[in-house]
Structures are given as structure tokens and as C-alpha cells.
Amino acid sequence: MSTDRLAPGRHPGPVRHALSKVPEVTVYFWVIKVLTTGMGETASDWLAHLLGPVPAVALGAVALAAALAVQFAVRRYVAWIYWTAIVMVSVFGTMAADVLHVGLGVPYLLSTPFFMVALATVFALWYGSERTLSIHSIHTRRREVFYWAAVLATFALGTAAGDLSATLGLGYLGSAVLYAAAIAVPALAHRGGRLNAVTAFWSAYVLTRPLGASVADWMAVGHGRGGLAWGLGPVTLAWTAAILVLVAYLAVSRKDVQTDEAQSVRS
């Protein structure tokens, strides 16, 4: 509750917060989130093939820093700024997981739990500081920092987990089916009242990463690896086009902008 004193003659109303820096969670949110995960997976591999691993990682790091700088600079949620940052997190998160495995030789059986611990640490620090992990409370700089740290960790974790399941014999299509089924678990548990909204959200958020990445890899890789052989470049460009169309629609319609009253109830 706000501690501000009411002016004489005014009646108490909804508690007002600073404008949210993240979108409302709608079906558009989840569709674009899955698209960014797949696009980030193939874009990372494509850039590594075109430029070489070191220049690709350097370019990804610079682009991520620039995207986050713009995101932190604005005072409210702006669709194209937010989703550009998410795309760059997706690309760089993939690179981070790949650097551990390909560059440093760390097996997915080790990198996956490593990123799990990293994500758990971010959540523990976030909750210890703010007493909430709700995305409806992202209206201070410190919470925004925690939020983006968690997002980056989820992308790296999802990349490692998706590659782990693919290399354990499931393949990319089998992995996509596995994660599609897994993502239904927190959704159904929340709908049935057995899982709170915050836990359900972050569980689904983590699982969208290997889901989207597995589908994109299945489309891109050759027949010898169980894929459709459409190529990294075409898949990256196609998924990017789909993201641009949906983000443009949200920017115009503002269907994913959180209202102040809704934030007051859920923060």
C-alpha cells in the first residue's frame, strides 16, 4: 500500500506505479517468445558459420549490450524495443551455451545443471531483495536488472537442455515433442489451482527456449541429422519475418500493454 498522504477531499483509489517495462502475458507473448527462441538458435549458428565463432560472439555481445541499453533507457514498455532486446538475448544466450560446449568442451550434462544453478541464484537474489518474482512488478531499475538477468539465464539453460535431449537420442523433432508436452504441465497445473502464477510463468518461460530451438533446428539441419534441410539462413529469415509482423501488430494495437490498474492489483 502506498504511504503517500491523501490530499484533503480526495478519496483513496488504485495504487499507482511507474509504468511497466515488460508486456502483458497474452497468447501473442508466448507465440513471439517461441519464435525468438528458434530464431536465436539458428541465427547464432548462421552467424558463426558466416563470420567465425569469435567475431560472431563479439558481434552478439555488442548487439545485446546496445539493445539492453535502449531498453533500460526508455521509461515504459515499447514493443519493438523490448522484443529487440529479447531477440538479442536469445542469440547471445545460444552463443553462451555453445561457447561452453564447443569452445571449452564442457558437456551438456554439465552445462545444463550449471545454467540451472545460475538461474536459481538469480531468482534467489531477486526474491531476497524484492520479495517477489512477478513480472507485473517490473517498474524499478533494480527489478528490471533482475528480470533481464533471469531472462538471459533461461535462454542459456534452455539452449543447453535442448541440445542435451537432442544428443541423448531424441533428435530435434523428438525434443520438440518432449518440450511441447512438458510446457503443458505448468499450464494445466496453474489452471487447476495447483501451481501459482509466478512459478507457472517462469516454468513455461524456461521450456519455451528448448521448444522453439528444437523446432528451428529440425527445420534447418540436413536429412542426415533428422531435419528438413531448409538451411540456417532461410529458417532464420523466415522466423525473423514472423516476429516482425507480430511485433508490428502489437506496437499498433497495444494489446500487450499493461494497464496501471492491473499492475496495482497484481504487484
C-alpha atoms as a PDB file:
ATOM      1  CA  MET A   1       0.000   0.000   0.000  1.00  0.00           C
ATOM      2  CA  SER A   2       1.227   3.495  -0.757  1.00  0.00           C
ATOM      3  CA  THR A   3       2.360   5.550   2.198  1.00  0.00           C
ATOM      4  CA  ASP A   4       1.618   8.832   0.427  1.00  0.00           C
ATOM      5  CA  ARG A   5      -0.880  11.018   2.283  1.00  0.00           C
ATOM      6  CA  LEU A   6      -4.115  11.793   0.534  1.00  0.00           C
ATOM      7  CA  ALA A   7      -4.839  15.407  -0.277  1.00  0.00           C
ATOM      8  CA  PRO A   8      -7.873  16.880   1.516  1.00  0.00           C
ATOM      9  CA  GLY A   9     -11.128  15.931  -0.142  1.00  0.00           C
ATOM     10  CA  ARG A  10      -9.581  13.115  -2.226  1.00  0.00           C
ATOM     11  CA  HIS A  11     -10.728   9.532  -1.964  1.00  0.00           C
ATOM     12  CA  PRO A  12      -8.429   6.541  -2.000  1.00  0.00           C
ATOM     13  CA  GLY A  13      -8.139   4.863  -5.377  1.00  0.00           C
ATOM     14  CA  PRO A  14      -5.998   2.213  -7.022  1.00  0.00           C
ATOM     15  CA  VAL A  15      -2.336   2.287  -6.034  1.00  0.00           C
ATOM     16  CA  ARG A  16      -0.380   3.744  -8.944  1.00  0.00           C
ATOM     17  CA  HIS A  17       3.026   2.521 -10.013  1.00  0.00           C
ATOM     18  CA  ALA A  18       5.607   3.620 -12.508  1.00  0.00           C
ATOM     19  CA  LEU A  19       4.848   2.343 -15.985  1.00  0.00           C
ATOM     20  CA  SER A  20       5.707  -1.321 -16.546  1.00  0.00           C
ATOM     21  CA  LYS A  21       8.796  -2.143 -18.603  1.00  0.00           C
ATOM     22  CA  VAL A  22       7.523  -5.553 -19.768  1.00  0.00           C
ATOM     23  CA  PRO A  23       4.477  -6.659 -21.782  1.00  0.00           C
ATOM     24  CA  GLU A  24       1.272  -8.218 -20.579  1.00  0.00           C
ATOM     25  CA  VAL A  25       1.361 -12.010 -20.867  1.00  0.00           C
ATOM     26  CA  THR A  26      -1.024 -12.890 -23.693  1.00  0.00           C
ATOM     27  CA  VAL A  27      -1.092 -15.542 -26.408  1.00  0.00           C
ATOM     28  CA  TYR A  28       0.924 -13.090 -28.533  1.00  0.00           C
ATOM     29  CA  PHE A  29       3.621 -13.043 -25.855  1.00  0.00           C
ATOM     30  CA  TRP A  30       4.033 -16.812 -25.947  1.00  0.00           C
ATOM     31  CA  VAL A  31       3.966 -17.071 -29.740  1.00  0.00           C
ATOM     32  CA  ILE A  32       6.622 -14.370 -30.142  1.00  0.00           C
ATOM     33  CA  LYS A  33       8.671 -15.851 -27.305  1.00  0.00           C
ATOM     34  CA  VAL A  34       8.812 -19.244 -29.057  1.00  0.00           C
ATOM     35  CA  LEU A  35       9.671 -17.550 -32.354  1.00  0.00           C
ATOM     36  CA  THR A  36      12.547 -15.611 -30.765  1.00  0.00           C
ATOM     37  CA  THR A  37      13.972 -18.801 -29.269  1.00  0.00           C
ATOM     38  CA  GLY A  38      14.047 -20.568 -32.608  1.00  0.00           C
ATOM     39  CA  MET A  39      15.329 -17.534 -34.473  1.00  0.00           C
ATOM     40  CA  GLY A  40      18.073 -17.025 -31.879  1.00  0.00           C
ATOM     41  CA  GLU A  41      19.168 -20.645 -32.187  1.00  0.00           C
ATOM     42  CA  THR A  42      19.558 -20.652 -35.966  1.00  0.00           C
ATOM     43  CA  ALA A  43      20.832 -17.057 -36.154  1.00  0.00           C
ATOM     44  CA  SER A  44      23.631 -17.869 -33.722  1.00  0.00           C
ATOM     45  CA  ASP A  45      24.739 -20.882 -35.762  1.00  0.00           C
ATOM     46  CA  TRP A  46      24.355 -18.984 -39.034  1.00  0.00           C
ATOM     47  CA  LEU A  47      26.498 -16.083 -37.834  1.00  0.00           C
ATOM     48  CA  ALA A  48      29.136 -18.473 -36.543  1.00  0.00           C
ATOM     49  CA  HIS A  49      29.333 -20.099 -39.988  1.00  0.00           C
ATOM     50  CA  LEU A  50      29.421 -16.765 -41.821  1.00  0.00           C
ATOM     51  CA  LEU A  51      31.787 -14.814 -39.580  1.00  0.00           C
ATOM     52  CA  GLY A  52      33.555 -17.424 -37.492  1.00  0.00           C
ATOM     53  CA  PRO A  53      32.833 -18.157 -33.805  1.00  0.00           C
ATOM     54  CA  VAL A  54      34.906 -15.357 -32.241  1.00  0.00           C
ATOM     55  CA  PRO A  55      33.624 -12.463 -34.418  1.00  0.00           C
ATOM     56  CA  ALA A  56      30.067 -13.816 -34.102  1.00  0.00           C
ATOM     57  CA  VAL A  57      30.222 -13.871 -30.300  1.00  0.00           C
ATOM     58  CA  ALA A  58      31.776 -10.391 -30.220  1.00  0.00           C
ATOM     59  CA  LEU A  59      29.082  -9.019 -32.520  1.00  0.00           C
ATOM     60  CA  GLY A  60      26.381 -10.725 -30.443  1.00  0.00           C
ATOM     61  CA  ALA A  61      27.728  -9.229 -27.236  1.00  0.00           C
ATOM     62  CA  VAL A  62      27.833  -5.706 -28.686  1.00  0.00           C
ATOM     63  CA  ALA A  63      24.338  -6.008 -30.138  1.00  0.00           C
ATOM     64  CA  LEU A  64      22.981  -7.342 -26.839  1.00  0.00           C
ATOM     65  CA  ALA A  65      24.591  -4.510 -24.869  1.00  0.00           C
ATOM     66  CA  ALA A  66      23.140  -1.932 -27.269  1.00  0.00           C
ATOM     67  CA  ALA A  67      19.653  -3.475 -27.165  1.00  0.00           C
ATOM     68  CA  LEU A  68      19.616  -3.609 -23.363  1.00  0.00           C
ATOM     69  CA  ALA A  69      20.931  -0.048 -23.116  1.00  0.00           C
ATOM     70  CA  VAL A  70      17.973   1.178 -25.150  1.00  0.00           C
ATOM     71  CA  GLN A  71      15.560  -0.992 -23.155  1.00  0.00           C
ATOM     72  CA  PHE A  72      16.837   0.427 -19.855  1.00  0.00           C
ATOM     73  CA  ALA A  73      16.764   3.969 -21.205  1.00  0.00           C
ATOM     74  CA  VAL A  74      13.053   4.039 -22.036  1.00  0.00           C
ATOM     75  CA  ARG A  75      10.563   4.699 -19.239  1.00  0.00           C
ATOM     76  CA  ARG A  76       7.840   2.295 -20.306  1.00  0.00           C
ATOM     77  CA  TYR A  77       7.255  -0.837 -22.337  1.00  0.00           C
ATOM     78  CA  VAL A  78       7.788  -0.263 -26.064  1.00  0.00           C
ATOM     79  CA  ALA A  79       7.070  -3.354 -28.148  1.00  0.00           C
ATOM     80  CA  TRP A  80       9.862  -3.135 -30.705  1.00  0.00           C
ATOM     81  CA  ILE A  81      12.491  -2.125 -28.127  1.00  0.00           C
ATOM     82  CA  TYR A  82      11.549  -4.895 -25.703  1.00  0.00           C
ATOM     83  CA  TRP A  83      11.388  -7.633 -28.341  1.00  0.00           C
ATOM     84  CA  THR A  84      14.643  -6.498 -29.958  1.00  0.00           C
ATOM     85  CA  ALA A  85      16.295  -6.999 -26.579  1.00  0.00           C
ATOM     86  CA  ILE A  86      14.688 -10.437 -26.255  1.00  0.00           C
ATOM     87  CA  VAL A  87      15.938 -11.432 -29.704  1.00  0.00           C
ATOM     88  CA  MET A  88      19.468 -10.373 -28.832  1.00  0.00           C
ATOM     89  CA  VAL A  89      19.294 -12.228 -25.517  1.00  0.00           C
ATOM     90  CA  SER A  90      18.204 -15.284 -27.490  1.00  0.00           C
ATOM     91  CA  VAL A  91      21.100 -15.003 -29.934  1.00  0.00           C
ATOM     92  CA  PHE A  92      23.714 -14.320 -27.266  1.00  0.00           C
ATOM     93  CA  GLY A  93      22.250 -16.873 -24.827  1.00  0.00           C
ATOM     94  CA  THR A  94      22.683 -19.512 -27.522  1.00  0.00           C
ATOM     95  CA  MET A  95      26.241 -18.361 -28.079  1.00  0.00           C
ATOM     96  CA  ALA A  96      26.998 -18.531 -24.352  1.00  0.00           C
ATOM     97  CA  ALA A  97      25.833 -22.134 -24.154  1.00  0.00           C
ATOM     98  CA  ASP A  98      27.683 -23.039 -27.351  1.00  0.00           C
ATOM     99  CA  VAL A  99      30.917 -21.441 -26.139  1.00  0.00           C
ATOM    100  CA  LEU A 100      30.880 -23.681 -23.069  1.00  0.00           C
ATOM    101  CA  HIS A 101      30.248 -26.803 -25.125  1.00  0.00           C
ATOM    102  CA  VAL A 102      32.063 -26.197 -28.413  1.00  0.00           C
ATOM    103  CA  GLY A 103      34.733 -23.739 -27.322  1.00  0.00           C
ATOM    104  CA  LEU A 104      35.577 -25.081 -23.878  1.00  0.00           C
ATOM    105  CA  GLY A 105      34.499 -28.677 -24.324  1.00  0.00           C
ATOM    106  CA  VAL A 106      32.043 -28.684 -21.416  1.00  0.00           C
ATOM    107  CA  PRO A 107      29.480 -31.477 -21.994  1.00  0.00           C
ATOM    108  CA  TYR A 108      25.774 -30.642 -21.947  1.00  0.00           C
ATOM    109  CA  LEU A 109      25.393 -32.943 -18.943  1.00  0.00           C
ATOM    110  CA  LEU A 110      27.445 -30.377 -17.006  1.00  0.00           C
ATOM    111  CA  SER A 111      26.436 -27.108 -18.685  1.00  0.00           C
ATOM    112  CA  THR A 112      22.712 -27.776 -18.235  1.00  0.00           C
ATOM    113  CA  PRO A 113      22.888 -28.076 -14.415  1.00  0.00           C
ATOM    114  CA  PHE A 114      25.369 -25.174 -14.374  1.00  0.00           C
ATOM    115  CA  PHE A 115      22.830 -22.871 -16.004  1.00  0.00           C
ATOM    116  CA  MET A 116      20.108 -24.265 -13.714  1.00  0.00           C
ATOM    117  CA  VAL A 117      22.178 -23.195 -10.716  1.00  0.00           C
ATOM    118  CA  ALA A 118      22.823 -19.803 -12.336  1.00  0.00           C
ATOM    119  CA  LEU A 119      19.082 -19.256 -12.855  1.00  0.00           C
ATOM    120  CA  ALA A 120      18.250 -20.420  -9.335  1.00  0.00           C
ATOM    121  CA  THR A 121      20.854 -17.988  -7.971  1.00  0.00           C
ATOM    122  CA  VAL A 122      19.309 -15.083  -9.897  1.00  0.00           C
ATOM    123  CA  PHE A 123      15.857 -15.987  -8.592  1.00  0.00           C
ATOM    124  CA  ALA A 124      17.141 -16.306  -5.020  1.00  0.00           C
ATOM    125  CA  LEU A 125      18.848 -12.913  -5.140  1.00  0.00           C
ATOM    126  CA  TRP A 126      15.822 -11.335  -6.811  1.00  0.00           C
ATOM    127  CA  TYR A 127      13.357 -12.702  -4.274  1.00  0.00           C
ATOM    128  CA  GLY A 128      15.663 -11.972  -1.353  1.00  0.00           C
ATOM    129  CA  SER A 129      15.867  -8.343  -2.451  1.00  0.00           C
ATOM    130  CA  GLU A 130      12.339  -7.686  -3.701  1.00  0.00           C
ATOM    131  CA  ARG A 131      10.174 -10.419  -2.087  1.00  0.00           C
ATOM    132  CA  THR A 132       8.556 -11.102  -5.467  1.00  0.00           C
ATOM    133  CA  LEU A 133       9.390 -12.633  -8.824  1.00  0.00           C
ATOM    134  CA  SER A 134       6.273 -11.340 -10.527  1.00  0.00           C
ATOM    135  CA  ILE A 135       6.787  -9.774 -13.944  1.00  0.00           C
ATOM    136  CA  HIS A 136       3.889  -7.460 -13.110  1.00  0.00           C
ATOM    137  CA  SER A 137       6.204  -5.732 -10.640  1.00  0.00           C
ATOM    138  CA  ILE A 138       8.921  -4.662 -13.113  1.00  0.00           C
ATOM    139  CA  HIS A 139       8.720  -0.929 -12.537  1.00  0.00           C
ATOM    140  CA  THR A 140      12.017  -0.182 -10.766  1.00  0.00           C
ATOM    141  CA  ARG A 141      15.551  -0.286 -12.156  1.00  0.00           C
ATOM    142  CA  ARG A 142      16.710  -2.962  -9.707  1.00  0.00           C
ATOM    143  CA  ARG A 143      13.824  -5.271 -10.566  1.00  0.00           C
ATOM    144  CA  GLU A 144      14.475  -4.728 -14.239  1.00  0.00           C
ATOM    145  CA  VAL A 145      18.099  -5.776 -13.776  1.00  0.00           C
ATOM    146  CA  PHE A 146      16.992  -8.966 -12.011  1.00  0.00           C
ATOM    147  CA  TYR A 147      14.411  -9.617 -14.718  1.00  0.00           C
ATOM    148  CA  TRP A 148      16.892  -9.421 -17.582  1.00  0.00           C
ATOM    149  CA  ALA A 149      19.468 -11.483 -15.698  1.00  0.00           C
ATOM    150  CA  ALA A 150      16.811 -14.173 -15.269  1.00  0.00           C
ATOM    151  CA  VAL A 151      15.823 -13.949 -18.934  1.00  0.00           C
ATOM    152  CA  LEU A 152      19.443 -14.385 -20.057  1.00  0.00           C
ATOM    153  CA  ALA A 153      19.895 -17.373 -17.741  1.00  0.00           C
ATOM    154  CA  THR A 154      16.693 -19.029 -19.024  1.00  0.00           C
ATOM    155  CA  PHE A 155      17.848 -18.725 -22.621  1.00  0.00           C
ATOM    156  CA  ALA A 156      21.260 -20.236 -21.880  1.00  0.00           C
ATOM    157  CA  LEU A 157      19.654 -23.013 -19.818  1.00  0.00           C
ATOM    158  CA  GLY A 158      17.080 -23.770 -22.494  1.00  0.00           C
ATOM    159  CA  THR A 159      19.749 -23.959 -25.194  1.00  0.00           C
ATOM    160  CA  ALA A 160      21.852 -26.418 -23.207  1.00  0.00           C
ATOM    161  CA  ALA A 161      18.817 -28.516 -22.210  1.00  0.00           C
ATOM    162  CA  GLY A 162      17.521 -28.670 -25.776  1.00  0.00           C
ATOM    163  CA  ASP A 163      20.888 -29.735 -27.162  1.00  0.00           C
ATOM    164  CA  LEU A 164      21.252 -32.271 -24.349  1.00  0.00           C
ATOM    165  CA  SER A 165      17.954 -34.007 -25.142  1.00  0.00           C
ATOM    166  CA  ALA A 166      18.735 -33.956 -28.873  1.00  0.00           C
ATOM    167  CA  THR A 167      22.120 -35.617 -28.358  1.00  0.00           C
ATOM    168  CA  LEU A 168      20.682 -38.238 -25.991  1.00  0.00           C
ATOM    169  CA  GLY A 169      18.818 -39.864 -28.865  1.00  0.00           C
ATOM    170  CA  LEU A 170      15.574 -37.913 -29.129  1.00  0.00           C
ATOM    171  CA  GLY A 171      16.696 -35.817 -32.076  1.00  0.00           C
ATOM    172  CA  TYR A 172      15.333 -32.352 -32.778  1.00  0.00           C
ATOM    173  CA  LEU A 173      11.767 -33.389 -33.628  1.00  0.00           C
ATOM    174  CA  GLY A 174      11.576 -35.730 -30.651  1.00  0.00           C
ATOM    175  CA  SER A 175      12.900 -32.961 -28.406  1.00  0.00           C
ATOM    176  CA  ALA A 176      10.269 -30.559 -29.742  1.00  0.00           C
ATOM    177  CA  VAL A 177       7.514 -33.046 -28.903  1.00  0.00           C
ATOM    178  CA  LEU A 178       9.001 -33.606 -25.441  1.00  0.00           C
ATOM    179  CA  TYR A 179       9.120 -29.908 -24.584  1.00  0.00           C
ATOM    180  CA  ALA A 180       5.703 -29.224 -26.092  1.00  0.00           C
ATOM    181  CA  ALA A 181       4.291 -31.824 -23.711  1.00  0.00           C
ATOM    182  CA  ALA A 182       6.378 -30.517 -20.813  1.00  0.00           C
ATOM    183  CA  ILE A 183       5.215 -26.933 -21.254  1.00  0.00           C
ATOM    184  CA  ALA A 184       1.612 -28.079 -20.858  1.00  0.00           C
ATOM    185  CA  VAL A 185       2.327 -29.305 -17.323  1.00  0.00           C
ATOM    186  CA  PRO A 186       2.712 -25.914 -15.579  1.00  0.00           C
ATOM    187  CA  ALA A 187      -0.138 -24.503 -17.678  1.00  0.00           C
ATOM    188  CA  LEU A 188      -2.539 -27.237 -16.604  1.00  0.00           C
ATOM    189  CA  ALA A 189      -1.295 -27.177 -13.002  1.00  0.00           C
ATOM    190  CA  HIS A 190      -1.917 -23.443 -12.807  1.00  0.00           C
ATOM    191  CA  ARG A 191      -5.340 -23.768 -14.416  1.00  0.00           C
ATOM    192  CA  GLY A 192      -6.228 -26.442 -11.871  1.00  0.00           C
ATOM    193  CA  GLY A 193      -5.110 -24.248  -8.966  1.00  0.00           C
ATOM    194  CA  ARG A 194      -2.141 -26.426  -8.057  1.00  0.00           C
ATOM    195  CA  LEU A 195       0.599 -24.008  -9.116  1.00  0.00           C
ATOM    196  CA  ASN A 196       0.799 -20.277  -8.501  1.00  0.00           C
ATOM    197  CA  ALA A 197       1.002 -17.871 -11.419  1.00  0.00           C
ATOM    198  CA  VAL A 198       4.629 -16.811 -10.886  1.00  0.00           C
ATOM    199  CA  THR A 199       6.006 -20.369 -10.725  1.00  0.00           C
ATOM    200  CA  ALA A 200       3.871 -21.420 -13.697  1.00  0.00           C
ATOM    201  CA  PHE A 201       5.079 -18.458 -15.747  1.00  0.00           C
ATOM    202  CA  TRP A 202       8.789 -18.999 -15.172  1.00  0.00           C
ATOM    203  CA  SER A 203       8.487 -22.768 -15.669  1.00  0.00           C
ATOM    204  CA  ALA A 204       6.819 -22.220 -19.041  1.00  0.00           C
ATOM    205  CA  TYR A 205       9.286 -19.452 -19.871  1.00  0.00           C
ATOM    206  CA  VAL A 206      12.252 -21.789 -19.437  1.00  0.00           C
ATOM    207  CA  LEU A 207      10.619 -24.546 -21.502  1.00  0.00           C
ATOM    208  CA  THR A 208       9.795 -22.297 -24.457  1.00  0.00           C
ATOM    209  CA  ARG A 209      13.504 -21.985 -25.162  1.00  0.00           C
ATOM    210  CA  PRO A 210      14.274 -25.647 -25.942  1.00  0.00           C
ATOM    211  CA  LEU A 211      10.866 -25.981 -27.618  1.00  0.00           C
ATOM    212  CA  GLY A 212      11.455 -23.183 -30.128  1.00  0.00           C
ATOM    213  CA  ALA A 213      15.117 -24.047 -30.625  1.00  0.00           C
ATOM    214  CA  SER A 214      14.337 -27.714 -31.300  1.00  0.00           C
ATOM    215  CA  VAL A 215      11.695 -26.848 -33.896  1.00  0.00           C
ATOM    216  CA  ALA A 216      14.002 -24.362 -35.654  1.00  0.00           C
ATOM    217  CA  ASP A 217      16.915 -26.804 -35.652  1.00  0.00           C
ATOM    218  CA  TRP A 218      14.655 -29.539 -37.042  1.00  0.00           C
ATOM    219  CA  MET A 219      13.679 -27.226 -39.891  1.00  0.00           C
ATOM    220  CA  ALA A 220      17.257 -26.127 -40.599  1.00  0.00           C
ATOM    221  CA  VAL A 221      19.507 -29.194 -40.276  1.00  0.00           C
ATOM    222  CA  GLY A 222      20.095 -31.770 -43.003  1.00  0.00           C
ATOM    223  CA  HIS A 223      18.232 -35.025 -43.558  1.00  0.00           C
ATOM    224  CA  GLY A 224      21.164 -36.951 -42.148  1.00  0.00           C
ATOM    225  CA  ARG A 225      20.511 -35.318 -38.765  1.00  0.00           C
ATOM    226  CA  GLY A 226      16.764 -35.902 -38.947  1.00  0.00           C
ATOM    227  CA  GLY A 227      15.861 -32.416 -40.181  1.00  0.00           C
ATOM    228  CA  LEU A 228      14.053 -30.848 -43.121  1.00  0.00           C
ATOM    229  CA  ALA A 229      17.267 -29.355 -44.576  1.00  0.00           C
ATOM    230  CA  TRP A 230      15.804 -25.890 -45.162  1.00  0.00           C
ATOM    231  CA  GLY A 231      19.077 -24.252 -44.088  1.00  0.00           C
ATOM    232  CA  LEU A 232      20.098 -21.931 -41.261  1.00  0.00           C
ATOM    233  CA  GLY A 233      19.746 -18.732 -43.304  1.00  0.00           C
ATOM    234  CA  PRO A 234      16.231 -19.321 -44.686  1.00  0.00           C
ATOM    235  CA  VAL A 235      14.876 -20.502 -41.332  1.00  0.00           C
ATOM    236  CA  THR A 236      16.408 -17.514 -39.540  1.00  0.00           C
ATOM    237  CA  LEU A 237      14.946 -15.067 -42.056  1.00  0.00           C
ATOM    238  CA  ALA A 238      11.512 -16.710 -42.036  1.00  0.00           C
ATOM    239  CA  TRP A 239      11.229 -16.688 -38.252  1.00  0.00           C
ATOM    240  CA  THR A 240      12.533 -13.107 -38.147  1.00  0.00           C
ATOM    241  CA  ALA A 241       9.829 -12.045 -40.597  1.00  0.00           C
ATOM    242  CA  ALA A 242       7.156 -13.676 -38.432  1.00  0.00           C
ATOM    243  CA  ILE A 243       8.495 -11.849 -35.352  1.00  0.00           C
ATOM    244  CA  LEU A 244       8.484  -8.516 -37.175  1.00  0.00           C
ATOM    245  CA  VAL A 245       4.869  -8.943 -38.287  1.00  0.00           C
ATOM    246  CA  LEU A 246       3.609  -9.818 -34.808  1.00  0.00           C
ATOM    247  CA  VAL A 247       5.623  -7.112 -33.031  1.00  0.00           C
ATOM    248  CA  ALA A 248       4.418  -4.515 -35.544  1.00  0.00           C
ATOM    249  CA  TYR A 249       0.835  -5.590 -34.836  1.00  0.00           C
ATOM    250  CA  LEU A 250       1.351  -5.246 -31.080  1.00  0.00           C
ATOM    251  CA  ALA A 251       3.042  -1.869 -31.486  1.00  0.00           C
ATOM    252  CA  VAL A 252      -0.034  -0.588 -33.314  1.00  0.00           C
ATOM    253  CA  SER A 253      -2.774  -2.378 -31.378  1.00  0.00           C
ATOM    254  CA  ARG A 254      -1.128  -2.094 -27.918  1.00  0.00           C
ATOM    255  CA  LYS A 255      -2.890  -5.310 -26.922  1.00  0.00           C
ATOM    256  CA  ASP A 256       0.008  -6.286 -24.665  1.00  0.00           C
ATOM    257  CA  VAL A 257       0.392  -3.036 -22.719  1.00  0.00           C
ATOM    258  CA  GLN A 258      -0.218  -3.478 -19.006  1.00  0.00           C
ATOM    259  CA  THR A 259      -2.719  -1.045 -17.506  1.00  0.00           C
ATOM    260  CA  ASP A 260      -1.872   0.832 -14.336  1.00  0.00           C
ATOM    261  CA  GLU A 261      -4.872  -0.641 -12.524  1.00  0.00           C
ATOM    262  CA  ALA A 262      -3.864  -4.183 -13.426  1.00  0.00           C
ATOM    263  CA  GLN A 263      -0.355  -3.586 -12.127  1.00  0.00           C
ATOM    264  CA  SER A 264      -1.801  -2.252  -8.872  1.00  0.00           C
ATOM    265  CA  VAL A 265      -3.751  -5.448  -8.270  1.00  0.00           C
ATOM    266  CA  ARG A 266      -1.005  -7.914  -9.212  1.00  0.00           C
ATOM    267  CA  SER A 267       2.193  -6.233  -7.973  1.00  0.00           C
END
